[in-house]
Amino acid sequence: MTDQSTEKKCVSCERSEQVVPLVAITFAQNGTWICTQCLPTLIHDPNRLVHKFQNMTTDNPPEPLLD
């Protein structure tokens, strides 16, 4: 039986790794998982997921790397 506290689930749709492929992401030193079907939403329309990242902050974003 799977331990529910350690089961990996998509931060957006909450489907498990048994149903969809998951990708590990980190933000503000907090790790989570997102599935490959929800990843485009995170990239192209992150405001739709902002409530999922309530404990994460963008107050100090990294400086862009310039060549």
C-alpha atoms as a PDB file:
ATOM      1  CA  MET A   1       0.000   0.000   0.000  1.00  0.00           C
ATOM      2  CA  THR A   2       1.270   3.501  -0.860  1.00  0.00           C
ATOM      3  CA  ASP A   3       2.024   5.957   1.946  1.00  0.00           C
ATOM      4  CA  GLN A   4      -0.252   8.933   1.196  1.00  0.00           C
ATOM      5  CA  SER A   5       2.114  11.431   2.852  1.00  0.00           C
ATOM      6  CA  THR A   6       4.905  10.647   0.387  1.00  0.00           C
ATOM      7  CA  GLU A   7       2.823  10.052  -2.734  1.00  0.00           C
ATOM      8  CA  LYS A   8       3.889  12.407  -5.512  1.00  0.00           C
ATOM      9  CA  LYS A   9       1.031  14.430  -6.996  1.00  0.00           C
ATOM     10  CA  CYS A  10       0.774  17.284  -9.491  1.00  0.00           C
ATOM     11  CA  VAL A  11       0.478  20.628  -7.708  1.00  0.00           C
ATOM     12  CA  SER A  12      -2.168  21.688 -10.229  1.00  0.00           C
ATOM     13  CA  CYS A  13      -4.444  18.731 -10.998  1.00  0.00           C
ATOM     14  CA  GLU A  14      -3.385  16.496  -8.082  1.00  0.00           C
ATOM     15  CA  ARG A  15      -3.043  13.400 -10.259  1.00  0.00           C
ATOM     16  CA  SER A  16      -0.411  10.951  -9.055  1.00  0.00           C
ATOM     17  CA  GLU A  17       2.675   9.630 -10.783  1.00  0.00           C
ATOM     18  CA  GLN A  18       0.702   6.424 -11.318  1.00  0.00           C
ATOM     19  CA  VAL A  19      -1.543   8.316 -13.774  1.00  0.00           C
ATOM     20  CA  VAL A  20       0.679  10.923 -15.472  1.00  0.00           C
ATOM     21  CA  PRO A  21       4.417  11.671 -15.740  1.00  0.00           C
ATOM     22  CA  LEU A  22       5.553  14.200 -13.130  1.00  0.00           C
ATOM     23  CA  VAL A  23       8.369  16.746 -13.256  1.00  0.00           C
ATOM     24  CA  ALA A  24      10.043  18.038 -10.092  1.00  0.00           C
ATOM     25  CA  ILE A  25      10.152  21.831  -9.752  1.00  0.00           C
ATOM     26  CA  THR A  26      11.437  24.164  -7.058  1.00  0.00           C
ATOM     27  CA  PHE A  27      10.541  27.768  -6.330  1.00  0.00           C
ATOM     28  CA  ALA A  28      11.652  29.896  -3.393  1.00  0.00           C
ATOM     29  CA  GLN A  29      13.487  26.837  -2.025  1.00  0.00           C
ATOM     30  CA  ASN A  30      10.250  24.805  -1.938  1.00  0.00           C
ATOM     31  CA  GLY A  31       9.941  21.655  -3.998  1.00  0.00           C
ATOM     32  CA  THR A  32       6.804  20.301  -5.618  1.00  0.00           C
ATOM     33  CA  TRP A  33       5.688  18.268  -8.639  1.00  0.00           C
ATOM     34  CA  ILE A  34       3.810  19.208 -11.792  1.00  0.00           C
ATOM     35  CA  CYS A  35       2.553  16.870 -14.488  1.00  0.00           C
ATOM     36  CA  THR A  36       3.514  17.201 -18.120  1.00  0.00           C
ATOM     37  CA  GLN A  37      -0.052  18.177 -19.029  1.00  0.00           C
ATOM     38  CA  CYS A  38      -0.148  21.088 -16.532  1.00  0.00           C
ATOM     39  CA  LEU A  39       3.398  22.300 -17.252  1.00  0.00           C
ATOM     40  CA  PRO A  40       2.305  24.475 -20.221  1.00  0.00           C
ATOM     41  CA  THR A  41      -0.100  26.311 -17.888  1.00  0.00           C
ATOM     42  CA  LEU A  42       2.753  27.040 -15.506  1.00  0.00           C
ATOM     43  CA  ILE A  43       4.849  28.358 -18.394  1.00  0.00           C
ATOM     44  CA  HIS A  44       2.252  30.320 -20.386  1.00  0.00           C
ATOM     45  CA  ASP A  45      -0.395  31.293 -17.794  1.00  0.00           C
ATOM     46  CA  PRO A  46       1.160  31.059 -14.299  1.00  0.00           C
ATOM     47  CA  ASN A  47      -1.535  33.301 -12.804  1.00  0.00           C
ATOM     48  CA  ARG A  48      -3.917  30.331 -13.041  1.00  0.00           C
ATOM     49  CA  LEU A  49      -1.698  28.448 -10.569  1.00  0.00           C
ATOM     50  CA  VAL A  50      -0.751  31.276  -8.217  1.00  0.00           C
ATOM     51  CA  HIS A  51      -3.059  29.987  -5.452  1.00  0.00           C
ATOM     52  CA  LYS A  52      -1.178  26.658  -5.530  1.00  0.00           C
ATOM     53  CA  PHE A  53       2.056  28.442  -4.613  1.00  0.00           C
ATOM     54  CA  GLN A  54       0.753  30.531  -1.694  1.00  0.00           C
ATOM     55  CA  ASN A  55       3.671  29.617   0.567  1.00  0.00           C
ATOM     56  CA  MET A  56       6.186  30.449  -2.131  1.00  0.00           C
ATOM     57  CA  THR A  57       7.339  34.001  -2.729  1.00  0.00           C
ATOM     58  CA  THR A  58       8.641  36.048  -5.653  1.00  0.00           C
ATOM     59  CA  ASP A  59       9.872  38.928  -3.505  1.00  0.00           C
ATOM     60  CA  ASN A  60      13.479  38.184  -4.379  1.00  0.00           C
ATOM     61  CA  PRO A  61      13.585  36.778  -7.920  1.00  0.00           C
ATOM     62  CA  PRO A  62      17.015  35.872  -9.258  1.00  0.00           C
ATOM     63  CA  GLU A  63      18.833  38.379 -11.414  1.00  0.00           C
ATOM     64  CA  PRO A  64      18.713  37.421 -15.101  1.00  0.00           C
ATOM     65  CA  LEU A  65      21.947  36.107 -16.516  1.00  0.00           C
ATOM     66  CA  LEU A  66      23.284  38.373 -19.238  1.00  0.00           C
ATOM     67  CA  ASP A  67      26.017  37.392 -21.659  1.00  0.00           C
END
